[in-house]
C-alpha atoms as a PDB file:
ATOM      1  CA  MET A   1     -40.987 130.790 184.273  1.00  0.00           C
ATOM      2  CA  ARG A   2     -40.515 127.733 182.086  1.00  0.00           C
ATOM      3  CA  ILE A   3     -37.613 127.603 179.634  1.00  0.00           C
ATOM      4  CA  GLY A   4     -38.090 125.818 176.318  1.00  0.00           C
ATOM      5  CA  ASN A   5     -35.601 123.308 174.963  1.00  0.00           C
ATOM      6  CA  LYS A   6     -34.138 125.807 172.485  1.00  0.00           C
ATOM      7  CA  SER A   7     -33.677 128.489 175.166  1.00  0.00           C
ATOM      8  CA  ALA A   8     -32.131 125.978 177.558  1.00  0.00           C
ATOM      9  CA  THR A   9     -29.664 124.924 174.856  1.00  0.00           C
ATOM     10  CA  LEU A  10     -28.681 128.548 174.262  1.00  0.00           C
ATOM     11  CA  LEU A  11     -28.206 129.145 177.990  1.00  0.00           C
ATOM     12  CA  LEU A  12     -26.031 126.041 178.280  1.00  0.00           C
ATOM     13  CA  ALA A  13     -23.896 127.164 175.334  1.00  0.00           C
ATOM     14  CA  LEU A  14     -23.517 130.620 176.905  1.00  0.00           C
ATOM     15  CA  ALA A  15     -22.474 129.069 180.216  1.00  0.00           C
ATOM     16  CA  LEU A  16     -19.813 126.965 178.511  1.00  0.00           C
ATOM     17  CA  LEU A  17     -18.559 129.992 176.596  1.00  0.00           C
ATOM     18  CA  LEU A  18     -18.270 132.088 179.742  1.00  0.00           C
ATOM     19  CA  GLU A  19     -16.499 129.320 181.601  1.00  0.00           C
ATOM     20  CA  GLY A  20     -13.831 129.147 178.910  1.00  0.00           C
ATOM     21  CA  CYS A  21     -13.022 132.871 178.858  1.00  0.00           C
ATOM     22  CA  THR A  22     -10.002 134.055 180.853  1.00  0.00           C
ATOM     23  CA  GLY A  23     -10.618 131.571 183.635  1.00  0.00           C
ATOM     24  CA  LEU A  24     -14.119 132.911 184.276  1.00  0.00           C
ATOM     25  CA  SER A  25     -17.168 130.851 185.134  1.00  0.00           C
ATOM     26  CA  PRO A  26     -20.898 131.638 185.176  1.00  0.00           C
ATOM     27  CA  LEU A  27     -22.512 131.992 188.593  1.00  0.00           C
ATOM     28  CA  TYR A  28     -24.712 128.969 188.040  1.00  0.00           C
ATOM     29  CA  SER A  29     -23.006 125.683 187.368  1.00  0.00           C
ATOM     30  CA  ILE A  30     -24.341 123.187 184.854  1.00  0.00           C
ATOM     31  CA  GLY A  31     -24.543 120.850 187.868  1.00  0.00           C
ATOM     32  CA  GLY A  32     -27.274 122.906 189.539  1.00  0.00           C
ATOM     33  CA  GLY A  33     -29.464 125.704 188.183  1.00  0.00           C
ATOM     34  CA  ASP A  34     -30.311 127.185 191.578  1.00  0.00           C
ATOM     35  CA  GLY A  35     -27.033 128.822 192.534  1.00  0.00           C
ATOM     36  CA  SER A  36     -25.251 125.572 193.276  1.00  0.00           C
ATOM     37  CA  TYR A  37     -22.340 123.556 191.956  1.00  0.00           C
ATOM     38  CA  ARG A  38     -22.053 119.789 191.596  1.00  0.00           C
ATOM     39  CA  VAL A  39     -18.585 118.553 192.555  1.00  0.00           C
ATOM     40  CA  ARG A  40     -16.536 117.006 189.768  1.00  0.00           C
ATOM     41  CA  LYS A  41     -13.609 114.639 190.072  1.00  0.00           C
ATOM     42  CA  GLY A  42     -10.504 116.620 191.047  1.00  0.00           C
ATOM     43  CA  ASP A  43     -12.326 119.538 192.699  1.00  0.00           C
ATOM     44  CA  THR A  44     -11.443 120.866 196.129  1.00  0.00           C
ATOM     45  CA  LEU A  45     -13.414 123.371 198.186  1.00  0.00           C
ATOM     46  CA  TYR A  46     -10.643 125.888 197.489  1.00  0.00           C
ATOM     47  CA  SER A  47     -10.814 125.410 193.713  1.00  0.00           C
ATOM     48  CA  ILE A  48     -14.609 125.802 193.724  1.00  0.00           C
ATOM     49  CA  ALA A  49     -14.365 129.001 195.758  1.00  0.00           C
ATOM     50  CA  PHE A  50     -11.625 130.260 193.423  1.00  0.00           C
ATOM     51  CA  ARG A  51     -13.730 129.451 190.343  1.00  0.00           C
ATOM     52  CA  TYR A  52     -16.620 131.607 191.553  1.00  0.00           C
ATOM     53  CA  GLY A  53     -14.680 134.368 193.300  1.00  0.00           C
ATOM     54  CA  LEU A  54     -15.903 133.349 196.759  1.00  0.00           C
ATOM     55  CA  ASP A  55     -14.215 133.190 200.153  1.00  0.00           C
ATOM     56  CA  TYR A  56     -13.621 129.503 200.907  1.00  0.00           C
ATOM     57  CA  LYS A  57     -14.405 130.096 204.605  1.00  0.00           C
ATOM     58  CA  SER A  58     -17.860 131.425 203.781  1.00  0.00           C
ATOM     59  CA  LEU A  59     -18.437 128.623 201.292  1.00  0.00           C
ATOM     60  CA  ALA A  60     -17.552 126.061 203.947  1.00  0.00           C
ATOM     61  CA  ARG A  61     -19.849 127.740 206.478  1.00  0.00           C
ATOM     62  CA  ILE A  62     -22.781 127.879 204.046  1.00  0.00           C
ATOM     63  CA  ASN A  63     -22.459 124.173 203.342  1.00  0.00           C
ATOM     64  CA  ARG A  64     -21.578 123.147 206.923  1.00  0.00           C
ATOM     65  CA  ILE A  65     -18.246 121.694 205.858  1.00  0.00           C
ATOM     66  CA  GLY A  66     -15.556 121.726 208.532  1.00  0.00           C
ATOM     67  CA  PRO A  67     -11.780 121.315 208.280  1.00  0.00           C
ATOM     68  CA  PRO A  68     -10.123 119.605 206.483  1.00  0.00           C
ATOM     69  CA  TYR A  69     -12.899 120.599 204.028  1.00  0.00           C
ATOM     70  CA  THR A  70     -13.559 117.154 202.604  1.00  0.00           C
ATOM     71  CA  ILE A  71     -15.899 117.107 199.598  1.00  0.00           C
ATOM     72  CA  TYR A  72     -17.049 114.282 197.355  1.00  0.00           C
ATOM     73  CA  THR A  73     -17.743 113.767 193.660  1.00  0.00           C
ATOM     74  CA  ASP A  74     -21.396 114.600 192.795  1.00  0.00           C
ATOM     75  CA  GLN A  75     -21.901 116.481 196.062  1.00  0.00           C
ATOM     76  CA  LEU A  76     -24.060 119.586 195.570  1.00  0.00           C
ATOM     77  CA  ILE A  77     -22.377 122.727 196.917  1.00  0.00           C
ATOM     78  CA  ARG A  78     -24.536 125.778 197.586  1.00  0.00           C
ATOM     79  CA  LEU A  79     -23.011 128.976 196.243  1.00  0.00           C
ATOM     80  CA  ARG A  80     -25.612 131.315 197.674  1.00  0.00           C
ATOM     81  CA  GLY A  81     -26.704 131.702 201.261  1.00  0.00           C
ATOM     82  CA  SER A  82     -25.579 133.164 204.536  1.00  0.00           C
ATOM     83  CA  ALA A  83     -21.989 134.337 204.209  1.00  0.00           C
ATOM     84  CA  LYS A  84     -21.239 135.162 207.838  1.00  0.00           C
ATOM     85  CA  ARG A  85     -17.540 135.213 208.560  1.00  0.00           C
ATOM     86  CA  PRO A  86     -16.549 131.893 210.183  1.00  0.00           C
ATOM     87  CA  GLU A  87     -14.308 131.546 213.190  1.00  0.00           C
ATOM     88  CA  LYS A  88     -10.645 132.042 212.442  1.00  0.00           C
ATOM     89  CA  ASP A  89      -9.130 129.193 210.466  1.00  0.00           C
ATOM     90  CA  SER A  90      -5.411 128.493 210.854  1.00  0.00           C
ATOM     91  CA  GLY A  91      -5.186 126.320 207.754  1.00  0.00           C
ATOM     92  CA  PRO A  92      -5.639 122.682 206.837  1.00  0.00           C
ATOM     93  CA  THR A  93      -4.674 120.144 209.497  1.00  0.00           C
ATOM     94  CA  ALA A  94      -4.184 116.409 209.407  1.00  0.00           C
ATOM     95  CA  THR A  95      -5.879 115.186 212.581  1.00  0.00           C
ATOM     96  CA  LYS A  96      -7.074 112.047 210.779  1.00  0.00           C
ATOM     97  CA  PRO A  97      -6.494 110.323 207.410  1.00  0.00           C
ATOM     98  CA  VAL A  98      -8.079 112.355 204.621  1.00  0.00           C
ATOM     99  CA  PRO A  99      -9.128 111.390 201.085  1.00  0.00           C
ATOM    100  CA  LYS A 100      -6.965 112.086 198.071  1.00  0.00           C
ATOM    101  CA  ARG A 101      -6.938 115.732 196.906  1.00  0.00           C
ATOM    102  CA  ILE A 102      -7.708 117.150 200.345  1.00  0.00           C
ATOM    103  CA  PRO A 103      -5.012 119.498 201.752  1.00  0.00           C
ATOM    104  CA  SER A 104      -3.540 117.861 204.831  1.00  0.00           C
ATOM    105  CA  ALA A 105      -0.369 119.733 205.771  1.00  0.00           C
ATOM    106  CA  LYS A 106       0.151 120.600 209.442  1.00  0.00           C
ATOM    107  CA  ALA A 107       0.849 124.248 208.855  1.00  0.00           C
ATOM    108  CA  ARG A 108       0.057 127.149 211.120  1.00  0.00           C
ATOM    109  CA  LEU A 109      -0.123 130.053 208.733  1.00  0.00           C
ATOM    110  CA  PRO A 110       0.947 133.580 209.669  1.00  0.00           C
ATOM    111  CA  GLU A 111      -1.453 136.422 210.439  1.00  0.00           C
ATOM    112  CA  LYS A 112       0.099 138.547 207.705  1.00  0.00           C
ATOM    113  CA  VAL A 113       2.010 137.877 204.512  1.00  0.00           C
ATOM    114  CA  ALA A 114       5.606 138.800 205.391  1.00  0.00           C
ATOM    115  CA  GLY A 115       6.377 139.918 201.860  1.00  0.00           C
ATOM    116  CA  TRP A 116       5.634 139.150 198.230  1.00  0.00           C
ATOM    117  CA  ARG A 117       8.051 138.298 195.450  1.00  0.00           C
ATOM    118  CA  TRP A 118       7.631 137.989 191.710  1.00  0.00           C
ATOM    119  CA  PRO A 119       6.802 134.402 190.687  1.00  0.00           C
ATOM    120  CA  ILE A 120       8.960 134.750 187.552  1.00  0.00           C
ATOM    121  CA  ASN A 121      11.166 137.457 186.085  1.00  0.00           C
ATOM    122  CA  GLY A 122       9.461 138.782 183.006  1.00  0.00           C
ATOM    123  CA  LYS A 123       7.554 141.626 181.426  1.00  0.00           C
ATOM    124  CA  VAL A 124       3.884 142.075 182.271  1.00  0.00           C
ATOM    125  CA  ILE A 125       2.157 141.518 178.936  1.00  0.00           C
ATOM    126  CA  ALA A 126      -1.445 141.749 180.177  1.00  0.00           C
ATOM    127  CA  GLY A 127      -2.496 143.794 183.195  1.00  0.00           C
ATOM    128  CA  PHE A 128      -5.193 143.400 185.819  1.00  0.00           C
ATOM    129  CA  SER A 129      -8.693 144.444 184.750  1.00  0.00           C
ATOM    130  CA  LEU A 130     -12.205 143.799 186.022  1.00  0.00           C
ATOM    131  CA  THR A 131     -13.760 145.450 182.972  1.00  0.00           C
ATOM    132  CA  ASN A 132     -13.782 144.244 179.402  1.00  0.00           C
ATOM    133  CA  PRO A 133     -11.455 142.551 178.639  1.00  0.00           C
ATOM    134  CA  ILE A 134     -11.480 140.924 182.069  1.00  0.00           C
ATOM    135  CA  ASN A 135      -8.194 139.674 183.505  1.00  0.00           C
ATOM    136  CA  LYS A 136      -8.345 138.695 187.183  1.00  0.00           C
ATOM    137  CA  GLY A 137      -4.571 138.796 187.492  1.00  0.00           C
ATOM    138  CA  ILE A 138      -1.555 139.611 185.369  1.00  0.00           C
ATOM    139  CA  ASP A 139       0.166 137.697 182.577  1.00  0.00           C
ATOM    140  CA  ILE A 140       3.955 137.647 182.811  1.00  0.00           C
ATOM    141  CA  ALA A 141       6.115 136.737 179.814  1.00  0.00           C
ATOM    142  CA  GLY A 142       8.514 133.847 180.247  1.00  0.00           C
ATOM    143  CA  ASN A 143      10.114 130.975 178.415  1.00  0.00           C
ATOM    144  CA  SER A 144       8.598 127.515 178.386  1.00  0.00           C
ATOM    145  CA  GLY A 145      10.173 125.497 181.188  1.00  0.00           C
ATOM    146  CA  ASP A 146      11.260 128.503 183.281  1.00  0.00           C
ATOM    147  CA  ALA A 147      10.929 128.038 187.035  1.00  0.00           C
ATOM    148  CA  VAL A 148       7.777 129.425 188.675  1.00  0.00           C
ATOM    149  CA  VAL A 149       8.325 130.198 192.375  1.00  0.00           C
ATOM    150  CA  ALA A 150       5.953 130.714 195.293  1.00  0.00           C
ATOM    151  CA  ALA A 151       5.277 134.417 195.795  1.00  0.00           C
ATOM    152  CA  ALA A 152       5.060 133.994 199.585  1.00  0.00           C
ATOM    153  CA  ASP A 153       5.066 131.301 202.277  1.00  0.00           C
ATOM    154  CA  GLY A 154       1.981 129.088 202.394  1.00  0.00           C
ATOM    155  CA  VAL A 155       0.312 125.737 201.800  1.00  0.00           C
ATOM    156  CA  VAL A 156      -0.662 124.306 198.407  1.00  0.00           C
ATOM    157  CA  VAL A 157      -4.442 123.897 198.428  1.00  0.00           C
ATOM    158  CA  TYR A 158      -4.922 123.037 194.749  1.00  0.00           C
ATOM    159  CA  ALA A 159      -2.708 121.554 192.051  1.00  0.00           C
ATOM    160  CA  GLY A 160      -4.599 120.390 189.004  1.00  0.00           C
ATOM    161  CA  GLY A 161      -6.213 121.215 185.697  1.00  0.00           C
ATOM    162  CA  ASN A 162      -9.876 121.320 186.627  1.00  0.00           C
ATOM    163  CA  LEU A 163     -10.510 125.052 186.093  1.00  0.00           C
ATOM    164  CA  ARG A 164     -11.135 125.777 182.442  1.00  0.00           C
ATOM    165  CA  GLY A 165      -9.092 128.691 181.147  1.00  0.00           C
ATOM    166  CA  TYR A 166      -6.266 128.264 183.671  1.00  0.00           C
ATOM    167  CA  GLY A 167      -4.515 125.172 182.340  1.00  0.00           C
ATOM    168  CA  LYS A 168      -2.377 123.445 184.945  1.00  0.00           C
ATOM    169  CA  LEU A 169      -2.995 125.570 188.018  1.00  0.00           C
ATOM    170  CA  VAL A 170      -1.396 125.815 191.472  1.00  0.00           C
ATOM    171  CA  ILE A 171      -3.175 127.685 194.281  1.00  0.00           C
ATOM    172  CA  ILE A 172      -1.339 128.561 197.496  1.00  0.00           C
ATOM    173  CA  LYS A 173      -3.050 129.633 200.707  1.00  0.00           C
ATOM    174  CA  HIS A 174      -0.938 132.166 202.619  1.00  0.00           C
ATOM    175  CA  ASN A 175      -3.202 132.916 205.584  1.00  0.00           C
ATOM    176  CA  ASP A 176      -6.873 133.379 206.425  1.00  0.00           C
ATOM    177  CA  HIS A 177      -7.151 136.199 203.894  1.00  0.00           C
ATOM    178  CA  PHE A 178      -4.833 135.623 200.941  1.00  0.00           C
ATOM    179  CA  LEU A 179      -4.475 133.059 198.169  1.00  0.00           C
ATOM    180  CA  SER A 180      -2.192 133.252 195.155  1.00  0.00           C
ATOM    181  CA  ALA A 181      -2.671 131.362 191.895  1.00  0.00           C
ATOM    182  CA  TYR A 182      -0.230 130.327 189.174  1.00  0.00           C
ATOM    183  CA  GLY A 183      -1.797 129.244 185.889  1.00  0.00           C
ATOM    184  CA  ASN A 184      -0.794 128.093 182.411  1.00  0.00           C
ATOM    185  CA  ASN A 185       1.966 125.823 183.684  1.00  0.00           C
ATOM    186  CA  GLU A 186       3.753 123.200 181.631  1.00  0.00           C
ATOM    187  CA  THR A 187       4.508 121.114 184.718  1.00  0.00           C
ATOM    188  CA  MET A 188       3.463 121.271 188.390  1.00  0.00           C
ATOM    189  CA  LEU A 189       6.130 120.376 190.949  1.00  0.00           C
ATOM    190  CA  VAL A 190       4.079 120.426 194.172  1.00  0.00           C
ATOM    191  CA  ARG A 191       1.161 118.470 195.581  1.00  0.00           C
ATOM    192  CA  GLU A 192      -1.866 119.543 197.567  1.00  0.00           C
ATOM    193  CA  GLY A 193      -1.090 119.787 201.258  1.00  0.00           C
ATOM    194  CA  GLU A 194       2.583 120.703 200.801  1.00  0.00           C
ATOM    195  CA  LYS A 195       3.942 123.587 202.809  1.00  0.00           C
ATOM    196  CA  VAL A 196       6.103 125.878 200.654  1.00  0.00           C
ATOM    197  CA  ARG A 197       8.415 128.776 201.350  1.00  0.00           C
ATOM    198  CA  ALA A 198       8.632 131.952 199.316  1.00  0.00           C
ATOM    199  CA  GLY A 199      10.956 131.430 196.373  1.00  0.00           C
ATOM    200  CA  ARG A 200      10.504 127.672 196.144  1.00  0.00           C
ATOM    201  CA  THR A 201      10.024 126.343 192.604  1.00  0.00           C
ATOM    202  CA  ILE A 202       6.442 125.083 192.347  1.00  0.00           C
ATOM    203  CA  ALA A 203       5.933 124.753 188.570  1.00  0.00           C
ATOM    204  CA  ARG A 204       7.360 125.364 185.086  1.00  0.00           C
ATOM    205  CA  VAL A 205       6.126 127.993 182.639  1.00  0.00           C
ATOM    206  CA  GLY A 206       3.937 126.671 179.851  1.00  0.00           C
ATOM    207  CA  THR A 207       2.555 127.849 176.517  1.00  0.00           C
ATOM    208  CA  SER A 208      -0.981 129.235 176.296  1.00  0.00           C
ATOM    209  CA  ALA A 209      -3.644 128.265 173.773  1.00  0.00           C
ATOM    210  CA  ALA A 210      -2.629 131.411 171.885  1.00  0.00           C
ATOM    211  CA  ASN A 211       0.927 130.012 171.650  1.00  0.00           C
ATOM    212  CA  THR A 212       2.282 132.550 174.137  1.00  0.00           C
ATOM    213  CA  GLU A 213       4.884 131.474 176.666  1.00  0.00           C
ATOM    214  CA  MET A 214       3.773 133.114 179.905  1.00  0.00           C
ATOM    215  CA  LEU A 215       2.554 132.707 183.489  1.00  0.00           C
ATOM    216  CA  HIS A 216      -0.889 133.829 184.605  1.00  0.00           C
ATOM    217  CA  PHE A 217      -0.619 135.065 188.218  1.00  0.00           C
ATOM    218  CA  GLU A 218      -3.392 136.107 190.602  1.00  0.00           C
ATOM    219  CA  ILE A 219      -3.740 137.285 194.184  1.00  0.00           C
ATOM    220  CA  ARG A 220      -7.117 136.811 195.880  1.00  0.00           C
ATOM    221  CA  ARG A 221      -8.126 138.497 199.141  1.00  0.00           C
ATOM    222  CA  GLU A 222     -11.199 137.002 200.833  1.00  0.00           C
ATOM    223  CA  GLY A 223     -11.860 135.274 197.503  1.00  0.00           C
ATOM    224  CA  LYS A 224     -11.867 138.498 195.482  1.00  0.00           C
ATOM    225  CA  PRO A 225      -9.252 139.301 192.803  1.00  0.00           C
ATOM    226  CA  GLU A 226      -6.751 142.023 193.696  1.00  0.00           C
ATOM    227  CA  ASN A 227      -4.229 143.697 191.406  1.00  0.00           C
ATOM    228  CA  PRO A 228      -0.959 141.806 192.022  1.00  0.00           C
ATOM    229  CA  LEU A 229       1.029 144.950 191.186  1.00  0.00           C
ATOM    230  CA  ASN A 230      -0.306 146.477 194.415  1.00  0.00           C
ATOM    231  CA  TYR A 231       1.561 143.773 196.358  1.00  0.00           C
ATOM    232  CA  LEU A 232       4.604 142.793 194.311  1.00  0.00           C
ATOM    233  CA  PRO A 233       7.806 144.819 194.846  1.00  0.00           C
ATOM    234  CA  ALA A 234       8.385 147.635 192.380  1.00  0.00           C
ATOM    235  CA  ARG A 235      10.916 147.059 189.656  1.00  0.00           C
ATOM    236  CA  GLY A 236      13.621 149.528 188.765  1.00  0.00           C
END
């Protein structure tokens, strides 16, 4: 089916709109209309997987990318294809020099997350929802400049502002199954490849586009959003 110029323009506008809503992105990137994504400056394999709700291990397998998951600007990444579970991955390693923005910490990650802690102390002002309105995590009220701490031990696999709707974002890999994400930061205090312990300050709370001082926090299991309240300790 051929798409006329007017229809293509409308589809492009819709894609941009979706990408800007609550950190969501359309399945098909502007970089490739066949279920693919063209790498932009600042991307990592982890951030691309996070953007599309995919498991980074499957994404690496589909594209035949091995540790330390080096990708390059303008590289075309397939989003669809065989998603067989790869062999167990113990985390990024630094067996040789790696390009900038590639996680390189020598960190053997645990089989299980020992325990979760709240990234900031504050009231939940927007809960988890996968129906309209979609929120793939929770929004926690805070004051601009408040310390944001790692919710569990892990390795920083992304620290940047490349994902529209998330602002300055930190993503931590905890083990083969879990990632956590901390968005809408004023300042990031860690770099990709750093190993962090639970409770370490990794960022400072920022102010959203709606002029709300808060942290957006997500937990992803196998690339899929999970309700953080199912993992965080109950409050009295």
